[in-house]
Amino acid sequence: MKSVRVSGTEHYAEEAPDLLKRYETISFGATHRSVMHLIPKDPCHVLDIGSGTGRDAAGFAELGHRVVAVEPTEEMRRGAIALHPSRLIEWLDDGLPDLARVLARHEHFDVVMLTAVWMHLDEQQRWRAMPNLVALASEGGAMIMTLRHGPVPPGRRMFEVSAEETIGLAQPLGFRCVLNQPAELSLRQPGVTWTRLAFLKEL
């Protein structure tokens, strides 16, 4: 099947060897401490979008959850599979905003995770993507994401996205915001800050 080409992934292939080292320098638990209470204790079904090095997918798998890990950059996906082999992780070549291959599976997920992903979508793509995220979440399920604010690295495609816009897109579609706070991510960069958002899909 032909590989998915996703805008926003420019230069990740070339930088994959370095990123596969850098992104693994802080643990899943430390990164997501503030939202762990939203993740079911019992084994559940997780969708990790923009999985990168596989750190988050592996963290979910270590907790006993089944994970569909979506990563459109082949070099990142291949490296992540080597770093985090697990029978609980299924890797998929797909990406936002359409997530066509995930949607074609007609599955629902108890947790939808987007770590450092949403800022790669322009305004039109964000409008297209949000209904797909809602469609993929189980009733009562959680969507957890981080928003990046600050200067864009050379060669990268990123956009400034506010918490207010994101909540405004999500809530009319059935995602109730339950967390909106500053976040600390592993790679500290001058002038860059992060916001963590979490939503629950209304029953």
N, C-alpha and C. Protein backbone atom coordinates (compact mmCIF):
# COMPACT_ATOMS: atom_id res chain seq x y z
N MET A 1 0.84 -1.19 0.00
CA MET A 1 0.00 0.00 0.00
C MET A 1 0.88 1.24 0.00
N LYS A 2 0.51 2.24 -0.76
CA LYS A 2 1.31 3.44 -0.90
C LYS A 2 1.40 4.18 0.43
N SER A 3 2.59 4.72 0.72
CA SER A 3 2.82 5.44 1.96
C SER A 3 2.01 6.74 1.97
N VAL A 4 1.53 7.11 3.15
CA VAL A 4 0.78 8.34 3.33
C VAL A 4 1.74 9.52 3.38
N ARG A 5 1.47 10.57 2.60
CA ARG A 5 2.26 11.79 2.67
C ARG A 5 1.50 12.79 3.52
N VAL A 6 2.13 13.26 4.59
CA VAL A 6 1.45 14.12 5.55
C VAL A 6 2.21 15.42 5.69
N SER A 7 1.53 16.55 5.48
CA SER A 7 2.17 17.83 5.68
C SER A 7 2.46 18.01 7.17
N GLY A 8 3.59 18.67 7.45
CA GLY A 8 4.01 18.83 8.83
C GLY A 8 5.11 17.88 9.24
N THR A 9 5.36 16.87 8.40
CA THR A 9 6.41 15.89 8.73
C THR A 9 7.74 16.21 8.02
N GLU A 10 7.80 17.37 7.37
CA GLU A 10 9.02 17.74 6.66
C GLU A 10 10.24 17.69 7.59
N HIS A 11 11.31 17.09 7.10
CA HIS A 11 12.62 17.02 7.76
C HIS A 11 12.68 16.02 8.92
N TYR A 12 11.56 15.41 9.29
CA TYR A 12 11.62 14.42 10.35
C TYR A 12 12.37 13.17 9.89
N ALA A 13 12.25 12.83 8.62
CA ALA A 13 12.97 11.65 8.13
C ALA A 13 14.47 11.84 8.25
N GLU A 14 14.97 13.02 7.82
CA GLU A 14 16.40 13.27 7.88
C GLU A 14 16.91 13.33 9.33
N GLU A 15 16.08 13.81 10.22
CA GLU A 15 16.50 13.98 11.62
C GLU A 15 16.15 12.79 12.49
N ALA A 16 15.58 11.76 11.90
CA ALA A 16 15.09 10.62 12.69
C ALA A 16 16.15 10.03 13.63
N PRO A 17 17.39 9.77 13.17
CA PRO A 17 18.36 9.17 14.10
C PRO A 17 18.58 9.99 15.36
N ASP A 18 18.68 11.32 15.21
CA ASP A 18 18.88 12.19 16.37
C ASP A 18 17.62 12.24 17.24
N LEU A 19 16.46 12.36 16.60
CA LEU A 19 15.21 12.46 17.35
C LEU A 19 14.92 11.19 18.13
N LEU A 20 15.27 10.05 17.56
CA LEU A 20 15.04 8.79 18.24
C LEU A 20 15.85 8.69 19.54
N LYS A 21 16.94 9.43 19.62
CA LYS A 21 17.70 9.49 20.86
C LYS A 21 17.14 10.55 21.80
N ARG A 22 16.91 11.74 21.29
CA ARG A 22 16.51 12.87 22.13
C ARG A 22 15.14 12.67 22.75
N TYR A 23 14.18 12.15 22.00
CA TYR A 23 12.82 12.04 22.50
C TYR A 23 12.66 10.97 23.57
N GLU A 24 13.68 10.13 23.71
CA GLU A 24 13.61 9.06 24.70
C GLU A 24 14.27 9.44 26.03
N THR A 25 14.65 10.70 26.18
CA THR A 25 15.41 11.10 27.37
C THR A 25 14.56 11.33 28.60
N ILE A 26 13.25 11.35 28.46
CA ILE A 26 12.37 11.50 29.62
C ILE A 26 11.26 10.47 29.51
N SER A 27 10.82 9.96 30.63
CA SER A 27 9.90 8.83 30.63
C SER A 27 8.47 9.22 30.30
N PHE A 28 7.73 8.23 29.87
CA PHE A 28 6.29 8.39 29.61
C PHE A 28 5.59 8.89 30.87
N GLY A 29 5.87 8.26 32.00
CA GLY A 29 5.21 8.63 33.24
C GLY A 29 5.48 10.06 33.66
N ALA A 30 6.72 10.50 33.52
CA ALA A 30 7.07 11.87 33.89
C ALA A 30 6.41 12.88 32.96
N THR A 31 6.37 12.57 31.69
CA THR A 31 5.79 13.48 30.71
C THR A 31 4.29 13.65 30.92
N HIS A 32 3.61 12.58 31.26
CA HIS A 32 2.14 12.60 31.29
C HIS A 32 1.56 12.45 32.69
N ARG A 33 2.36 12.81 33.69
CA ARG A 33 1.92 12.65 35.08
C ARG A 33 0.57 13.32 35.34
N SER A 34 0.35 14.49 34.77
CA SER A 34 -0.85 15.27 35.09
C SER A 34 -2.13 14.69 34.48
N VAL A 35 -2.01 13.73 33.57
CA VAL A 35 -3.21 13.17 32.94
C VAL A 35 -3.36 11.67 33.19
N MET A 36 -2.49 11.10 34.01
CA MET A 36 -2.56 9.65 34.23
C MET A 36 -3.90 9.24 34.85
N HIS A 37 -4.53 10.14 35.59
CA HIS A 37 -5.83 9.80 36.21
C HIS A 37 -6.94 9.63 35.17
N LEU A 38 -6.71 10.10 33.94
CA LEU A 38 -7.70 9.96 32.87
C LEU A 38 -7.53 8.67 32.08
N ILE A 39 -6.45 7.96 32.32
CA ILE A 39 -6.17 6.72 31.59
C ILE A 39 -6.70 5.55 32.41
N PRO A 40 -7.56 4.71 31.81
CA PRO A 40 -8.14 3.60 32.58
C PRO A 40 -7.09 2.71 33.22
N LYS A 41 -7.41 2.22 34.41
CA LYS A 41 -6.50 1.28 35.09
C LYS A 41 -6.54 -0.09 34.42
N ASP A 42 -7.75 -0.52 33.99
CA ASP A 42 -7.88 -1.81 33.32
C ASP A 42 -7.41 -1.69 31.86
N PRO A 43 -6.99 -2.80 31.27
CA PRO A 43 -6.54 -2.76 29.87
C PRO A 43 -7.60 -2.14 28.96
N CYS A 44 -7.17 -1.24 28.10
CA CYS A 44 -8.09 -0.55 27.20
C CYS A 44 -7.45 -0.40 25.83
N HIS A 45 -8.12 0.30 24.94
CA HIS A 45 -7.70 0.48 23.55
C HIS A 45 -7.25 1.92 23.37
N VAL A 46 -6.00 2.12 22.94
CA VAL A 46 -5.41 3.45 22.84
C VAL A 46 -5.02 3.74 21.39
N LEU A 47 -5.26 4.99 20.96
CA LEU A 47 -4.79 5.48 19.67
C LEU A 47 -3.75 6.55 19.93
N ASP A 48 -2.52 6.31 19.53
CA ASP A 48 -1.42 7.25 19.71
C ASP A 48 -1.09 7.84 18.35
N ILE A 49 -1.46 9.10 18.13
CA ILE A 49 -1.33 9.75 16.83
C ILE A 49 -0.05 10.55 16.78
N GLY A 50 0.76 10.34 15.75
CA GLY A 50 2.06 10.98 15.67
C GLY A 50 3.00 10.38 16.70
N SER A 51 3.16 9.08 16.65
CA SER A 51 3.82 8.33 17.72
C SER A 51 5.31 8.61 17.83
N GLY A 52 5.93 9.11 16.76
CA GLY A 52 7.34 9.46 16.84
C GLY A 52 8.22 8.29 17.20
N THR A 53 8.93 8.39 18.32
CA THR A 53 9.86 7.35 18.74
C THR A 53 9.18 6.16 19.39
N GLY A 54 7.87 6.27 19.62
CA GLY A 54 7.14 5.17 20.24
C GLY A 54 7.15 5.18 21.75
N ARG A 55 7.71 6.23 22.36
CA ARG A 55 7.78 6.28 23.82
C ARG A 55 6.40 6.18 24.47
N ASP A 56 5.44 6.96 23.96
CA ASP A 56 4.11 6.94 24.56
C ASP A 56 3.41 5.61 24.30
N ALA A 57 3.53 5.11 23.08
CA ALA A 57 2.92 3.81 22.76
C ALA A 57 3.47 2.73 23.67
N ALA A 58 4.78 2.75 23.88
CA ALA A 58 5.40 1.75 24.76
C ALA A 58 4.95 1.93 26.21
N GLY A 59 4.79 3.19 26.64
CA GLY A 59 4.31 3.44 27.99
C GLY A 59 2.92 2.89 28.22
N PHE A 60 2.04 3.08 27.24
CA PHE A 60 0.70 2.50 27.34
C PHE A 60 0.76 0.97 27.35
N ALA A 61 1.59 0.41 26.49
CA ALA A 61 1.71 -1.04 26.41
C ALA A 61 2.22 -1.62 27.73
N GLU A 62 3.15 -0.94 28.37
CA GLU A 62 3.67 -1.41 29.65
C GLU A 62 2.60 -1.42 30.73
N LEU A 63 1.58 -0.59 30.57
CA LEU A 63 0.44 -0.58 31.50
C LEU A 63 -0.60 -1.64 31.13
N GLY A 64 -0.36 -2.36 30.04
CA GLY A 64 -1.26 -3.43 29.63
C GLY A 64 -2.29 -3.05 28.59
N HIS A 65 -2.19 -1.84 28.04
CA HIS A 65 -3.17 -1.38 27.05
C HIS A 65 -2.76 -1.78 25.63
N ARG A 66 -3.75 -2.04 24.78
CA ARG A 66 -3.52 -2.30 23.36
C ARG A 66 -3.44 -0.95 22.65
N VAL A 67 -2.43 -0.79 21.80
CA VAL A 67 -2.16 0.51 21.19
C VAL A 67 -2.11 0.39 19.67
N VAL A 68 -2.82 1.29 18.99
CA VAL A 68 -2.60 1.52 17.57
C VAL A 68 -1.76 2.78 17.49
N ALA A 69 -0.52 2.63 17.03
CA ALA A 69 0.44 3.73 16.98
C ALA A 69 0.53 4.24 15.55
N VAL A 70 0.11 5.47 15.33
CA VAL A 70 0.06 6.07 14.00
C VAL A 70 1.28 6.97 13.81
N GLU A 71 2.09 6.67 12.81
CA GLU A 71 3.28 7.49 12.52
C GLU A 71 3.52 7.51 11.02
N PRO A 72 3.39 8.69 10.38
CA PRO A 72 3.52 8.74 8.92
C PRO A 72 4.94 8.78 8.39
N THR A 73 5.93 9.07 9.22
CA THR A 73 7.31 9.13 8.75
C THR A 73 7.95 7.75 8.88
N GLU A 74 8.26 7.15 7.75
CA GLU A 74 8.74 5.76 7.76
C GLU A 74 9.99 5.58 8.62
N GLU A 75 10.93 6.52 8.52
CA GLU A 75 12.17 6.39 9.28
C GLU A 75 11.92 6.42 10.79
N MET A 76 10.99 7.27 11.22
CA MET A 76 10.64 7.31 12.64
C MET A 76 9.92 6.03 13.05
N ARG A 77 9.00 5.59 12.21
CA ARG A 77 8.22 4.39 12.53
C ARG A 77 9.12 3.16 12.62
N ARG A 78 10.04 3.04 11.68
CA ARG A 78 10.95 1.90 11.68
C ARG A 78 11.85 1.91 12.93
N GLY A 79 12.36 3.09 13.28
CA GLY A 79 13.19 3.21 14.47
C GLY A 79 12.42 2.93 15.74
N ALA A 80 11.17 3.39 15.79
CA ALA A 80 10.34 3.17 16.98
C ALA A 80 10.03 1.69 17.19
N ILE A 81 9.78 0.99 16.11
CA ILE A 81 9.50 -0.46 16.20
C ILE A 81 10.72 -1.19 16.76
N ALA A 82 11.90 -0.75 16.33
CA ALA A 82 13.12 -1.38 16.83
C ALA A 82 13.35 -1.05 18.31
N LEU A 83 13.04 0.19 18.70
CA LEU A 83 13.23 0.60 20.09
C LEU A 83 12.23 -0.05 21.04
N HIS A 84 11.00 -0.22 20.57
CA HIS A 84 9.92 -0.64 21.46
C HIS A 84 9.13 -1.82 20.88
N PRO A 85 9.75 -2.96 20.71
CA PRO A 85 8.98 -4.12 20.22
C PRO A 85 7.97 -4.56 21.27
N SER A 86 6.73 -4.71 20.87
CA SER A 86 5.70 -5.14 21.80
C SER A 86 4.55 -5.76 21.02
N ARG A 87 4.03 -6.87 21.52
CA ARG A 87 2.88 -7.50 20.87
C ARG A 87 1.61 -6.67 21.08
N LEU A 88 1.65 -5.70 22.01
CA LEU A 88 0.48 -4.87 22.27
C LEU A 88 0.43 -3.62 21.41
N ILE A 89 1.48 -3.38 20.62
CA ILE A 89 1.52 -2.19 19.76
C ILE A 89 1.38 -2.61 18.30
N GLU A 90 0.43 -2.01 17.62
CA GLU A 90 0.27 -2.18 16.18
C GLU A 90 0.62 -0.86 15.50
N TRP A 91 1.59 -0.88 14.60
CA TRP A 91 2.04 0.33 13.94
C TRP A 91 1.30 0.54 12.63
N LEU A 92 0.93 1.80 12.36
CA LEU A 92 0.13 2.13 11.19
C LEU A 92 0.69 3.39 10.52
N ASP A 93 0.83 3.34 9.21
CA ASP A 93 1.24 4.49 8.41
C ASP A 93 -0.01 5.29 8.07
N ASP A 94 -0.23 6.36 8.80
CA ASP A 94 -1.40 7.21 8.59
C ASP A 94 -1.13 8.55 9.25
N GLY A 95 -1.99 9.52 9.05
CA GLY A 95 -1.75 10.81 9.65
C GLY A 95 -2.95 11.73 9.58
N LEU A 96 -2.87 12.79 10.35
CA LEU A 96 -3.87 13.85 10.35
C LEU A 96 -3.73 14.71 9.09
N PRO A 97 -4.79 15.36 8.66
CA PRO A 97 -6.08 15.47 9.33
C PRO A 97 -7.07 14.36 9.05
N ASP A 98 -6.82 13.53 8.03
CA ASP A 98 -7.86 12.61 7.57
C ASP A 98 -7.90 11.28 8.32
N LEU A 99 -6.74 10.77 8.74
CA LEU A 99 -6.69 9.48 9.44
C LEU A 99 -7.53 8.42 8.71
N ALA A 100 -7.40 8.39 7.39
CA ALA A 100 -8.27 7.54 6.57
C ALA A 100 -8.13 6.06 6.89
N ARG A 101 -6.90 5.60 7.12
CA ARG A 101 -6.69 4.18 7.38
C ARG A 101 -7.22 3.78 8.77
N VAL A 102 -7.07 4.67 9.73
CA VAL A 102 -7.62 4.37 11.06
C VAL A 102 -9.14 4.33 11.01
N LEU A 103 -9.75 5.32 10.37
CA LEU A 103 -11.21 5.36 10.29
C LEU A 103 -11.77 4.17 9.55
N ALA A 104 -11.04 3.67 8.55
CA ALA A 104 -11.52 2.53 7.76
C ALA A 104 -11.61 1.25 8.59
N ARG A 105 -10.97 1.23 9.76
CA ARG A 105 -11.01 0.05 10.62
C ARG A 105 -12.29 -0.02 11.46
N HIS A 106 -13.01 1.10 11.55
CA HIS A 106 -14.28 1.16 12.30
C HIS A 106 -14.08 0.74 13.75
N GLU A 107 -13.00 1.24 14.35
CA GLU A 107 -12.71 0.98 15.75
C GLU A 107 -12.93 2.24 16.58
N HIS A 108 -13.10 2.05 17.89
CA HIS A 108 -13.18 3.17 18.81
C HIS A 108 -12.14 2.99 19.90
N PHE A 109 -11.68 4.11 20.46
CA PHE A 109 -10.55 4.09 21.37
C PHE A 109 -10.91 4.77 22.68
N ASP A 110 -10.47 4.16 23.78
CA ASP A 110 -10.73 4.71 25.10
C ASP A 110 -9.85 5.91 25.40
N VAL A 111 -8.68 5.97 24.77
CA VAL A 111 -7.76 7.11 24.89
C VAL A 111 -7.24 7.45 23.51
N VAL A 112 -7.33 8.72 23.15
CA VAL A 112 -6.73 9.24 21.92
C VAL A 112 -5.65 10.23 22.35
N MET A 113 -4.40 9.95 22.01
CA MET A 113 -3.26 10.74 22.47
C MET A 113 -2.60 11.45 21.30
N LEU A 114 -2.35 12.76 21.47
CA LEU A 114 -1.62 13.55 20.47
C LEU A 114 -0.57 14.38 21.22
N THR A 115 0.65 13.89 21.27
CA THR A 115 1.73 14.60 21.94
C THR A 115 2.56 15.35 20.91
N ALA A 116 2.58 16.70 21.02
CA ALA A 116 3.37 17.54 20.12
C ALA A 116 3.04 17.29 18.65
N VAL A 117 1.75 17.27 18.35
CA VAL A 117 1.29 16.95 16.99
C VAL A 117 0.42 18.06 16.40
N TRP A 118 -0.50 18.58 17.19
CA TRP A 118 -1.57 19.46 16.69
C TRP A 118 -1.02 20.70 16.01
N MET A 119 0.15 21.19 16.43
CA MET A 119 0.72 22.42 15.89
C MET A 119 1.19 22.27 14.44
N HIS A 120 1.26 21.03 13.94
CA HIS A 120 1.67 20.81 12.55
C HIS A 120 0.52 21.03 11.56
N LEU A 121 -0.68 21.24 12.06
CA LEU A 121 -1.85 21.40 11.19
C LEU A 121 -2.21 22.88 11.05
N ASP A 122 -2.50 23.30 9.82
CA ASP A 122 -2.97 24.67 9.64
C ASP A 122 -4.45 24.75 10.04
N GLU A 123 -5.01 25.94 9.99
CA GLU A 123 -6.37 26.14 10.51
C GLU A 123 -7.39 25.25 9.80
N GLN A 124 -7.33 25.18 8.48
CA GLN A 124 -8.27 24.35 7.73
C GLN A 124 -8.11 22.88 8.10
N GLN A 125 -6.87 22.44 8.25
CA GLN A 125 -6.63 21.04 8.61
C GLN A 125 -7.14 20.73 10.02
N ARG A 126 -7.02 21.69 10.93
CA ARG A 126 -7.54 21.47 12.29
C ARG A 126 -9.06 21.31 12.27
N TRP A 127 -9.73 22.10 11.46
CA TRP A 127 -11.18 21.98 11.32
C TRP A 127 -11.56 20.61 10.75
N ARG A 128 -10.78 20.12 9.80
CA ARG A 128 -11.04 18.79 9.21
C ARG A 128 -10.74 17.67 10.19
N ALA A 129 -9.71 17.86 11.00
CA ALA A 129 -9.24 16.77 11.86
C ALA A 129 -10.14 16.52 13.06
N MET A 130 -10.66 17.57 13.67
CA MET A 130 -11.37 17.39 14.95
C MET A 130 -12.56 16.44 14.85
N PRO A 131 -13.42 16.52 13.82
CA PRO A 131 -14.51 15.54 13.74
C PRO A 131 -14.02 14.10 13.63
N ASN A 132 -12.87 13.89 13.01
CA ASN A 132 -12.32 12.54 12.91
C ASN A 132 -11.86 12.04 14.28
N LEU A 133 -11.28 12.91 15.08
CA LEU A 133 -10.88 12.52 16.43
C LEU A 133 -12.09 12.16 17.28
N VAL A 134 -13.14 12.96 17.15
CA VAL A 134 -14.36 12.68 17.90
C VAL A 134 -14.94 11.33 17.48
N ALA A 135 -14.94 11.06 16.18
CA ALA A 135 -15.50 9.81 15.66
C ALA A 135 -14.72 8.59 16.17
N LEU A 136 -13.44 8.77 16.43
CA LEU A 136 -12.61 7.63 16.84
C LEU A 136 -12.64 7.37 18.35
N ALA A 137 -13.08 8.33 19.12
CA ALA A 137 -13.11 8.17 20.57
C ALA A 137 -14.34 7.41 21.02
N SER A 138 -14.16 6.53 21.98
CA SER A 138 -15.29 5.83 22.58
C SER A 138 -16.12 6.81 23.41
N GLU A 139 -17.38 6.50 23.64
CA GLU A 139 -18.18 7.32 24.54
C GLU A 139 -17.58 7.25 25.94
N GLY A 140 -17.35 8.40 26.52
CA GLY A 140 -16.68 8.46 27.81
C GLY A 140 -15.17 8.42 27.72
N GLY A 141 -14.65 8.27 26.49
CA GLY A 141 -13.21 8.18 26.29
C GLY A 141 -12.53 9.53 26.39
N ALA A 142 -11.20 9.50 26.53
CA ALA A 142 -10.41 10.71 26.70
C ALA A 142 -9.60 11.02 25.46
N MET A 143 -9.49 12.32 25.15
CA MET A 143 -8.53 12.80 24.17
C MET A 143 -7.56 13.71 24.91
N ILE A 144 -6.27 13.44 24.77
CA ILE A 144 -5.23 14.19 25.48
C ILE A 144 -4.26 14.74 24.45
N MET A 145 -3.96 16.03 24.54
CA MET A 145 -3.06 16.63 23.56
C MET A 145 -2.21 17.73 24.19
N THR A 146 -1.10 18.05 23.53
CA THR A 146 -0.27 19.19 23.93
C THR A 146 -0.20 20.16 22.76
N LEU A 147 -0.22 21.45 23.10
CA LEU A 147 -0.12 22.52 22.12
C LEU A 147 1.21 23.25 22.31
N ARG A 148 1.91 23.49 21.23
CA ARG A 148 3.21 24.18 21.27
C ARG A 148 3.03 25.65 20.97
N HIS A 149 3.75 26.50 21.70
CA HIS A 149 3.73 27.95 21.48
C HIS A 149 5.17 28.45 21.40
N GLY A 150 5.47 29.27 20.40
CA GLY A 150 6.81 29.83 20.33
C GLY A 150 7.41 29.74 18.95
N PRO A 151 8.68 30.13 18.82
CA PRO A 151 9.33 30.19 17.50
C PRO A 151 9.40 28.82 16.83
N VAL A 152 9.29 28.84 15.51
CA VAL A 152 9.32 27.61 14.72
C VAL A 152 10.75 27.32 14.28
N PRO A 153 11.24 26.11 14.50
CA PRO A 153 12.59 25.76 14.06
C PRO A 153 12.71 25.86 12.54
N PRO A 154 13.88 26.23 12.02
CA PRO A 154 14.08 26.32 10.57
C PRO A 154 13.71 25.00 9.88
N GLY A 155 12.96 25.15 8.78
CA GLY A 155 12.61 23.99 7.98
C GLY A 155 11.39 23.23 8.46
N ARG A 156 10.83 23.61 9.60
CA ARG A 156 9.66 22.90 10.12
C ARG A 156 8.37 23.63 9.75
N ARG A 157 7.31 22.87 9.63
CA ARG A 157 5.98 23.44 9.35
C ARG A 157 5.17 23.36 10.63
N MET A 158 4.99 24.51 11.29
CA MET A 158 4.23 24.57 12.53
C MET A 158 3.40 25.84 12.56
N PHE A 159 2.33 25.81 13.34
CA PHE A 159 1.43 26.95 13.44
C PHE A 159 1.13 27.23 14.90
N GLU A 160 0.90 28.49 15.21
CA GLU A 160 0.50 28.86 16.56
C GLU A 160 -0.96 28.46 16.76
N VAL A 161 -1.23 27.70 17.78
CA VAL A 161 -2.59 27.21 18.06
C VAL A 161 -2.91 27.51 19.52
N SER A 162 -4.03 28.13 19.76
CA SER A 162 -4.40 28.47 21.13
C SER A 162 -5.28 27.39 21.75
N ALA A 163 -5.26 27.34 23.07
CA ALA A 163 -6.17 26.45 23.79
C ALA A 163 -7.62 26.82 23.51
N GLU A 164 -7.88 28.12 23.45
CA GLU A 164 -9.25 28.59 23.24
C GLU A 164 -9.81 28.10 21.91
N GLU A 165 -9.00 28.20 20.84
CA GLU A 165 -9.48 27.71 19.54
C GLU A 165 -9.74 26.21 19.59
N THR A 166 -8.82 25.47 20.20
CA THR A 166 -8.93 24.01 20.23
C THR A 166 -10.16 23.57 21.02
N ILE A 167 -10.39 24.20 22.16
CA ILE A 167 -11.59 23.89 22.95
C ILE A 167 -12.84 24.27 22.17
N GLY A 168 -12.78 25.40 21.47
CA GLY A 168 -13.92 25.83 20.67
C GLY A 168 -14.25 24.88 19.53
N LEU A 169 -13.25 24.22 18.98
CA LEU A 169 -13.50 23.21 17.95
C LEU A 169 -14.07 21.93 18.54
N ALA A 170 -13.56 21.55 19.71
CA ALA A 170 -13.88 20.24 20.29
C ALA A 170 -15.24 20.19 20.98
N GLN A 171 -15.56 21.22 21.74
CA GLN A 171 -16.74 21.13 22.60
C GLN A 171 -18.06 20.99 21.84
N PRO A 172 -18.28 21.73 20.74
CA PRO A 172 -19.55 21.55 20.02
C PRO A 172 -19.72 20.15 19.44
N LEU A 173 -18.62 19.42 19.29
CA LEU A 173 -18.67 18.07 18.71
C LEU A 173 -18.79 16.98 19.77
N GLY A 174 -18.82 17.39 21.05
CA GLY A 174 -19.03 16.40 22.10
C GLY A 174 -17.85 16.11 22.99
N PHE A 175 -16.74 16.84 22.82
CA PHE A 175 -15.58 16.71 23.69
C PHE A 175 -15.65 17.78 24.78
N ARG A 176 -15.79 17.39 26.02
CA ARG A 176 -15.83 18.33 27.14
C ARG A 176 -14.42 18.50 27.71
N CYS A 177 -13.96 19.74 27.78
CA CYS A 177 -12.61 20.00 28.27
C CYS A 177 -12.57 19.81 29.79
N VAL A 178 -11.65 18.96 30.25
CA VAL A 178 -11.52 18.70 31.69
C VAL A 178 -10.15 19.11 32.22
N LEU A 179 -9.25 19.53 31.32
CA LEU A 179 -7.92 19.97 31.76
C LEU A 179 -7.38 20.98 30.76
N ASN A 180 -6.87 22.10 31.26
CA ASN A 180 -6.25 23.14 30.44
C ASN A 180 -5.19 23.79 31.32
N GLN A 181 -3.93 23.40 31.12
CA GLN A 181 -2.87 23.90 31.99
C GLN A 181 -1.53 23.90 31.28
N PRO A 182 -0.57 24.69 31.78
CA PRO A 182 0.78 24.65 31.21
C PRO A 182 1.38 23.25 31.34
N ALA A 183 2.21 22.89 30.37
CA ALA A 183 2.83 21.56 30.38
C ALA A 183 4.33 21.70 30.25
N GLU A 184 5.06 20.75 30.84
CA GLU A 184 6.50 20.64 30.67
C GLU A 184 6.77 19.41 29.81
N LEU A 185 7.39 19.62 28.64
CA LEU A 185 7.79 18.49 27.82
C LEU A 185 9.30 18.32 27.90
N SER A 186 9.77 17.21 27.37
CA SER A 186 11.16 16.80 27.61
C SER A 186 12.19 17.72 26.98
N LEU A 187 11.89 18.29 25.82
CA LEU A 187 12.90 19.05 25.08
C LEU A 187 12.66 20.55 25.29
N ARG A 188 13.42 21.14 26.17
CA ARG A 188 13.25 22.56 26.46
C ARG A 188 13.97 23.38 25.40
N GLN A 189 13.24 24.32 24.81
CA GLN A 189 13.78 25.16 23.76
C GLN A 189 13.52 26.61 24.12
N PRO A 190 14.46 27.52 23.85
CA PRO A 190 14.27 28.92 24.20
C PRO A 190 13.00 29.51 23.60
N GLY A 191 12.19 30.14 24.43
CA GLY A 191 10.98 30.79 23.97
C GLY A 191 9.80 29.88 23.71
N VAL A 192 9.96 28.57 23.91
CA VAL A 192 8.89 27.61 23.62
C VAL A 192 8.19 27.20 24.91
N THR A 193 6.86 27.30 24.90
CA THR A 193 6.05 26.82 26.01
C THR A 193 5.00 25.86 25.46
N TRP A 194 4.35 25.13 26.38
CA TRP A 194 3.38 24.11 25.98
C TRP A 194 2.13 24.23 26.84
N THR A 195 1.00 23.86 26.27
CA THR A 195 -0.26 23.75 26.99
C THR A 195 -0.76 22.32 26.87
N ARG A 196 -1.22 21.77 27.97
CA ARG A 196 -1.82 20.43 27.93
C ARG A 196 -3.33 20.56 28.05
N LEU A 197 -4.02 19.90 27.12
CA LEU A 197 -5.48 19.84 27.13
C LEU A 197 -5.94 18.40 27.24
N ALA A 198 -7.04 18.20 27.95
CA ALA A 198 -7.66 16.89 27.99
C ALA A 198 -9.17 17.05 27.89
N PHE A 199 -9.77 16.13 27.17
CA PHE A 199 -11.21 16.17 26.92
C PHE A 199 -11.80 14.78 27.23
N LEU A 200 -13.05 14.78 27.59
CA LEU A 200 -13.81 13.54 27.69
C LEU A 200 -14.97 13.61 26.72
N LYS A 201 -15.23 12.51 26.02
CA LYS A 201 -16.33 12.47 25.07
C LYS A 201 -17.63 12.22 25.81
N GLU A 202 -18.56 13.12 25.63
CA GLU A 202 -19.84 13.02 26.34
C GLU A 202 -20.58 11.76 25.98
N LEU A 203 -21.20 11.15 26.99
CA LEU A 203 -21.99 9.92 26.77
C LEU A 203 -23.29 10.25 26.09
